[in-house]
C-alpha atoms as a PDB file:
ATOM      1  CA  MET A   1       0.000   0.000   0.000  1.00  0.00           C
ATOM      2  CA  ARG A   2       1.305   3.409  -0.979  1.00  0.00           C
ATOM      3  CA  ILE A   3       0.934   6.709   0.975  1.00  0.00           C
ATOM      4  CA  PRO A   4      -0.383   9.457  -1.326  1.00  0.00           C
ATOM      5  CA  PRO A   5       2.020  12.411  -1.853  1.00  0.00           C
ATOM      6  CA  TYR A   6      -0.013  15.132  -0.095  1.00  0.00           C
ATOM      7  CA  TYR A   7       2.962  17.445   0.154  1.00  0.00           C
ATOM      8  CA  LYS A   8       2.717  18.161  -3.587  1.00  0.00           C
ATOM      9  CA  ARG A   9      -0.847  19.515  -3.450  1.00  0.00           C
ATOM     10  CA  PRO A  10      -1.156  23.310  -2.883  1.00  0.00           C
ATOM     11  CA  GLY A  11      -4.012  22.924  -0.383  1.00  0.00           C
ATOM     12  CA  TRP A  12      -1.941  20.659   1.830  1.00  0.00           C
ATOM     13  CA  GLN A  13       1.118  22.902   1.442  1.00  0.00           C
ATOM     14  CA  ARG A  14      -0.883  25.893   2.691  1.00  0.00           C
ATOM     15  CA  PHE A  15      -2.279  23.827   5.578  1.00  0.00           C
ATOM     16  CA  LEU A  16       1.166  22.601   6.677  1.00  0.00           C
ATOM     17  CA  ALA A  17       2.713  26.080   6.273  1.00  0.00           C
ATOM     18  CA  GLY A  18      -0.125  27.599   8.325  1.00  0.00           C
ATOM     19  CA  LEU A  19       0.278  24.901  10.967  1.00  0.00           C
ATOM     20  CA  PHE A  20       4.016  25.583  11.201  1.00  0.00           C
ATOM     21  CA  ILE A  21       3.559  29.375  11.411  1.00  0.00           C
ATOM     22  CA  GLY A  22       0.825  28.915  14.040  1.00  0.00           C
ATOM     23  CA  VAL A  23       3.104  26.725  16.161  1.00  0.00           C
ATOM     24  CA  VAL A  24       5.947  29.266  15.927  1.00  0.00           C
ATOM     25  CA  ILE A  25       3.654  32.186  16.877  1.00  0.00           C
ATOM     26  CA  GLY A  26       2.093  30.174  19.716  1.00  0.00           C
ATOM     27  CA  TRP A  27       5.518  29.208  21.051  1.00  0.00           C
ATOM     28  CA  GLY A  28       6.626  32.861  20.885  1.00  0.00           C
ATOM     29  CA  LEU A  29       3.564  34.009  22.849  1.00  0.00           C
ATOM     30  CA  PHE A  30       4.120  31.266  25.416  1.00  0.00           C
ATOM     31  CA  ILE A  31       7.757  32.295  25.934  1.00  0.00           C
ATOM     32  CA  PHE A  32       6.737  35.965  26.231  1.00  0.00           C
ATOM     33  CA  GLN A  33       4.061  35.268  28.854  1.00  0.00           C
ATOM     34  CA  TYR A  34       6.369  32.941  30.755  1.00  0.00           C
ATOM     35  CA  GLY A  35       9.036  35.669  30.788  1.00  0.00           C
ATOM     36  CA  GLN A  36       6.581  38.207  32.178  1.00  0.00           C
ATOM     37  CA  VAL A  37       5.476  35.882  34.973  1.00  0.00           C
ATOM     38  CA  TYR A  38       9.075  34.890  35.717  1.00  0.00           C
ATOM     39  CA  GLU A  39      10.199  38.530  35.903  1.00  0.00           C
ATOM     40  CA  ARG A  40       7.401  39.415  38.352  1.00  0.00           C
ATOM     41  CA  THR A  41       8.303  36.373  40.437  1.00  0.00           C
ATOM     42  CA  ILE A  42      11.981  37.370  40.560  1.00  0.00           C
ATOM     43  CA  ILE A  43      11.111  40.942  41.594  1.00  0.00           C
ATOM     44  CA  GLU A  44       8.818  39.672  44.352  1.00  0.00           C
ATOM     45  CA  LEU A  45      11.444  37.165  45.500  1.00  0.00           C
ATOM     46  CA  ARG A  46      14.154  39.857  45.640  1.00  0.00           C
ATOM     47  CA  LYS A  47      11.862  42.180  47.611  1.00  0.00           C
ATOM     48  CA  ASN A  48      11.070  39.384  50.046  1.00  0.00           C
ATOM     49  CA  GLU A  49      14.772  38.524  50.468  1.00  0.00           C
ATOM     50  CA  LEU A  50      15.630  42.163  51.200  1.00  0.00           C
ATOM     51  CA  THR A  51      12.717  42.429  53.632  1.00  0.00           C
ATOM     52  CA  ILE A  52      13.740  39.212  55.386  1.00  0.00           C
ATOM     53  CA  ASN A  53      17.347  40.414  55.730  1.00  0.00           C
ATOM     54  CA  GLN A  54      16.196  43.753  57.092  1.00  0.00           C
ATOM     55  CA  LEU A  55      13.786  42.145  59.538  1.00  0.00           C
ATOM     56  CA  GLU A  56      16.445  39.677  60.729  1.00  0.00           C
ATOM     57  CA  SER A  57      18.856  42.538  61.417  1.00  0.00           C
ATOM     58  CA  GLN A  58      16.072  44.421  63.217  1.00  0.00           C
ATOM     59  CA  ILE A  59      15.323  41.330  65.320  1.00  0.00           C
ATOM     60  CA  GLU A  60      18.991  41.078  66.307  1.00  0.00           C
ATOM     61  CA  LEU A  61      19.046  44.774  67.086  1.00  0.00           C
ATOM     62  CA  LEU A  62      15.831  44.539  69.093  1.00  0.00           C
ATOM     63  CA  LEU A  63      17.083  41.547  71.062  1.00  0.00           C
ATOM     64  CA  ALA A  64      20.280  43.401  71.925  1.00  0.00           C
ATOM     65  CA  ARG A  65      18.285  46.511  72.727  1.00  0.00           C
ATOM     66  CA  GLU A  66      15.859  44.532  74.876  1.00  0.00           C
ATOM     67  CA  GLN A  67      18.762  43.189  76.886  1.00  0.00           C
ATOM     68  CA  GLU A  68      20.067  46.720  77.375  1.00  0.00           C
ATOM     69  CA  GLN A  69      16.605  47.971  78.254  1.00  0.00           C
ATOM     70  CA  GLU A  70      16.239  45.370  80.976  1.00  0.00           C
ATOM     71  CA  ASP A  71      19.412  46.734  82.515  1.00  0.00           C
ATOM     72  CA  LEU A  72      18.131  50.298  82.501  1.00  0.00           C
ATOM     73  CA  ASP A  73      15.819  51.655  85.121  1.00  0.00           C
ATOM     74  CA  GLU A  74      12.219  52.569  84.145  1.00  0.00           C
ATOM     75  CA  ASP A  75      12.874  56.167  85.207  1.00  0.00           C
ATOM     76  CA  GLN A  76      15.404  56.624  82.426  1.00  0.00           C
ATOM     77  CA  LYS A  77      12.878  56.029  79.708  1.00  0.00           C
ATOM     78  CA  ARG A  78      13.453  58.287  76.736  1.00  0.00           C
ATOM     79  CA  VAL A  79      12.101  58.985  73.261  1.00  0.00           C
ATOM     80  CA  GLU A  80      13.885  56.903  70.629  1.00  0.00           C
ATOM     81  CA  VAL A  81      13.974  56.669  66.858  1.00  0.00           C
ATOM     82  CA  GLU A  82      11.788  53.696  65.915  1.00  0.00           C
ATOM     83  CA  THR A  83      11.726  53.641  62.094  1.00  0.00           C
ATOM     84  CA  ILE A  84      13.413  55.235  59.105  1.00  0.00           C
ATOM     85  CA  GLU A  85      11.487  56.002  55.928  1.00  0.00           C
ATOM     86  CA  ILE A  86      12.914  57.272  52.646  1.00  0.00           C
ATOM     87  CA  HIS A  87      10.627  58.838  50.018  1.00  0.00           C
ATOM     88  CA  PHE A  88      11.786  59.704  46.501  1.00  0.00           C
ATOM     89  CA  THR A  89      10.277  62.929  45.160  1.00  0.00           C
ATOM     90  CA  ASN A  90      11.400  62.263  41.570  1.00  0.00           C
ATOM     91  CA  GLU A  91      10.552  58.574  41.462  1.00  0.00           C
ATOM     92  CA  ARG A  92       8.796  58.736  38.079  1.00  0.00           C
ATOM     93  CA  GLU A  93      11.243  61.145  36.458  1.00  0.00           C
ATOM     94  CA  SER A  94      14.188  58.871  37.251  1.00  0.00           C
ATOM     95  CA  ARG A  95      12.584  56.065  35.191  1.00  0.00           C
ATOM     96  CA  LEU A  96      14.087  53.351  37.361  1.00  0.00           C
ATOM     97  CA  SER A  97      12.501  49.945  37.702  1.00  0.00           C
ATOM     98  CA  GLU A  98      10.510  49.105  40.800  1.00  0.00           C
ATOM     99  CA  LEU A  99      13.238  46.711  41.921  1.00  0.00           C
ATOM    100  CA  ALA A 100      15.992  49.320  41.461  1.00  0.00           C
ATOM    101  CA  LEU A 101      14.004  51.879  43.482  1.00  0.00           C
ATOM    102  CA  TYR A 102      13.380  49.337  46.233  1.00  0.00           C
ATOM    103  CA  ASP A 103      17.058  48.346  46.307  1.00  0.00           C
ATOM    104  CA  LEU A 104      18.147  52.009  46.426  1.00  0.00           C
ATOM    105  CA  ARG A 105      15.689  52.703  49.265  1.00  0.00           C
ATOM    106  CA  GLN A 106      16.968  49.665  51.211  1.00  0.00           C
ATOM    107  CA  GLN A 107      20.608  50.750  50.777  1.00  0.00           C
ATOM    108  CA  ALA A 108      19.756  54.226  52.081  1.00  0.00           C
ATOM    109  CA  VAL A 109      17.883  52.793  55.079  1.00  0.00           C
ATOM    110  CA  ASP A 110      20.792  50.421  55.773  1.00  0.00           C
ATOM    111  CA  GLU A 111      23.158  53.414  55.742  1.00  0.00           C
ATOM    112  CA  LEU A 112      21.064  55.104  58.463  1.00  0.00           C
ATOM    113  CA  GLU A 113      20.306  51.933  60.428  1.00  0.00           C
ATOM    114  CA  PRO A 114      22.724  52.771  63.292  1.00  0.00           C
ATOM    115  CA  LEU A 115      20.320  55.605  64.195  1.00  0.00           C
ATOM    116  CA  LEU A 116      17.554  53.152  65.094  1.00  0.00           C
ATOM    117  CA  HIS A 117      16.789  53.078  68.814  1.00  0.00           C
ATOM    118  CA  GLN A 118      19.082  56.018  69.487  1.00  0.00           C
ATOM    119  CA  ASN A 119      18.045  58.862  71.718  1.00  0.00           C
ATOM    120  CA  LEU A 120      15.985  61.305  69.664  1.00  0.00           C
ATOM    121  CA  GLU A 121      17.706  64.341  71.171  1.00  0.00           C
ATOM    122  CA  SER A 122      21.169  63.190  70.105  1.00  0.00           C
ATOM    123  CA  VAL A 123      19.943  62.301  66.610  1.00  0.00           C
ATOM    124  CA  ALA A 124      18.182  65.672  66.240  1.00  0.00           C
ATOM    125  CA  GLU A 125      21.351  67.509  67.326  1.00  0.00           C
ATOM    126  CA  GLN A 126      23.238  65.686  64.566  1.00  0.00           C
ATOM    127  CA  GLN A 127      20.577  66.297  61.920  1.00  0.00           C
ATOM    128  CA  GLU A 128      22.952  68.006  59.474  1.00  0.00           C
ATOM    129  CA  LEU A 129      25.480  65.197  59.877  1.00  0.00           C
ATOM    130  CA  VAL A 130      22.800  62.607  59.117  1.00  0.00           C
ATOM    131  CA  ILE A 131      21.698  64.491  56.000  1.00  0.00           C
ATOM    132  CA  ARG A 132      25.274  65.012  54.771  1.00  0.00           C
ATOM    133  CA  THR A 133      26.061  61.336  55.379  1.00  0.00           C
ATOM    134  CA  LEU A 134      23.192  60.317  53.127  1.00  0.00           C
ATOM    135  CA  GLU A 135      23.989  62.931  50.464  1.00  0.00           C
ATOM    136  CA  ASN A 136      27.701  62.068  50.287  1.00  0.00           C
ATOM    137  CA  LYS A 137      27.147  58.332  49.935  1.00  0.00           C
ATOM    138  CA  ARG A 138      27.243  56.825  46.418  1.00  0.00           C
ATOM    139  CA  PHE A 139      24.768  53.978  46.012  1.00  0.00           C
ATOM    140  CA  VAL A 140      25.329  51.315  43.359  1.00  0.00           C
ATOM    141  CA  VAL A 141      22.268  49.638  41.851  1.00  0.00           C
ATOM    142  CA  ASN A 142      22.530  47.489  38.722  1.00  0.00           C
ATOM    143  CA  GLU A 143      26.113  48.692  38.114  1.00  0.00           C
ATOM    144  CA  GLN A 144      24.950  52.327  38.021  1.00  0.00           C
ATOM    145  CA  GLN A 145      25.842  54.952  40.638  1.00  0.00           C
ATOM    146  CA  PHE A 146      23.274  57.154  42.328  1.00  0.00           C
ATOM    147  CA  SER A 147      23.377  59.800  45.006  1.00  0.00           C
ATOM    148  CA  LEU A 148      20.532  61.295  46.999  1.00  0.00           C
ATOM    149  CA  GLU A 149      19.777  64.930  47.763  1.00  0.00           C
ATOM    150  CA  VAL A 150      17.620  65.454  50.840  1.00  0.00           C
ATOM    151  CA  SER A 151      14.916  68.022  50.191  1.00  0.00           C
ATOM    152  CA  ARG A 152      13.007  67.612  53.477  1.00  0.00           C
ATOM    153  CA  ALA A 153      13.802  65.838  56.730  1.00  0.00           C
ATOM    154  CA  ILE A 154      11.532  65.184  59.686  1.00  0.00           C
ATOM    155  CA  PHE A 155      13.066  63.822  62.873  1.00  0.00           C
ATOM    156  CA  TYR A 156      10.773  62.330  65.484  1.00  0.00           C
ATOM    157  CA  LYS A 157      10.065  58.734  66.465  1.00  0.00           C
ATOM    158  CA  LYS A 158      10.183  58.129  62.729  1.00  0.00           C
ATOM    159  CA  ILE A 159      12.936  59.681  60.626  1.00  0.00           C
ATOM    160  CA  ASP A 160      11.156  60.738  57.442  1.00  0.00           C
ATOM    161  CA  LEU A 161      13.458  61.831  54.600  1.00  0.00           C
ATOM    162  CA  HIS A 162      12.211  63.146  51.258  1.00  0.00           C
ATOM    163  CA  THR A 163      15.017  62.828  48.743  1.00  0.00           C
ATOM    164  CA  GLU A 164      15.711  63.305  45.053  1.00  0.00           C
ATOM    165  CA  ILE A 165      17.577  60.659  43.075  1.00  0.00           C
ATOM    166  CA  VAL A 166      20.622  61.995  41.212  1.00  0.00           C
ATOM    167  CA  ILE A 167      22.088  59.677  38.579  1.00  0.00           C
ATOM    168  CA  GLU A 168      25.864  59.961  38.618  1.00  0.00           C
ATOM    169  CA  SER A 169      27.601  60.340  35.237  1.00  0.00           C
ATOM    170  CA  SER A 170      29.706  57.304  34.381  1.00  0.00           C
ATOM    171  CA  GLY A 171      32.377  59.297  32.527  1.00  0.00           C
END
């Protein structure tokens, strides 16, 4: 028994060509969608890793601070810095990815982390030093250097810094 030569007929040629092109387009769309999902997953994973590292360091700091606090008398209670928040005023103009902004914010908070649980009076007295420390630091994110310019600073139980991102020239 002989198999008929369908590949020579124009109708079958169009069908097979259409099938091949459809498979290629479908595969391309699948790879594109998979890449989008994978990228979102990586961003979320990186954010979670940074958050976990920050929370672990805060737990260590709190445990050490709790030990110190037990040693202190209740009468010596004082107002302390509890959190540090960094806000970027030119977040959209900088056109950085969400992950790069998050990484830059975490680096800035890590730079100021020694101020956590310090006496508010001593931190407020050194306000200019804190601002200059943040402005003079060069942050590296995705092999690109950034610096921050503080436009507004609020010092209370929460240090609230409003900064502008300055992209350093690589020349």
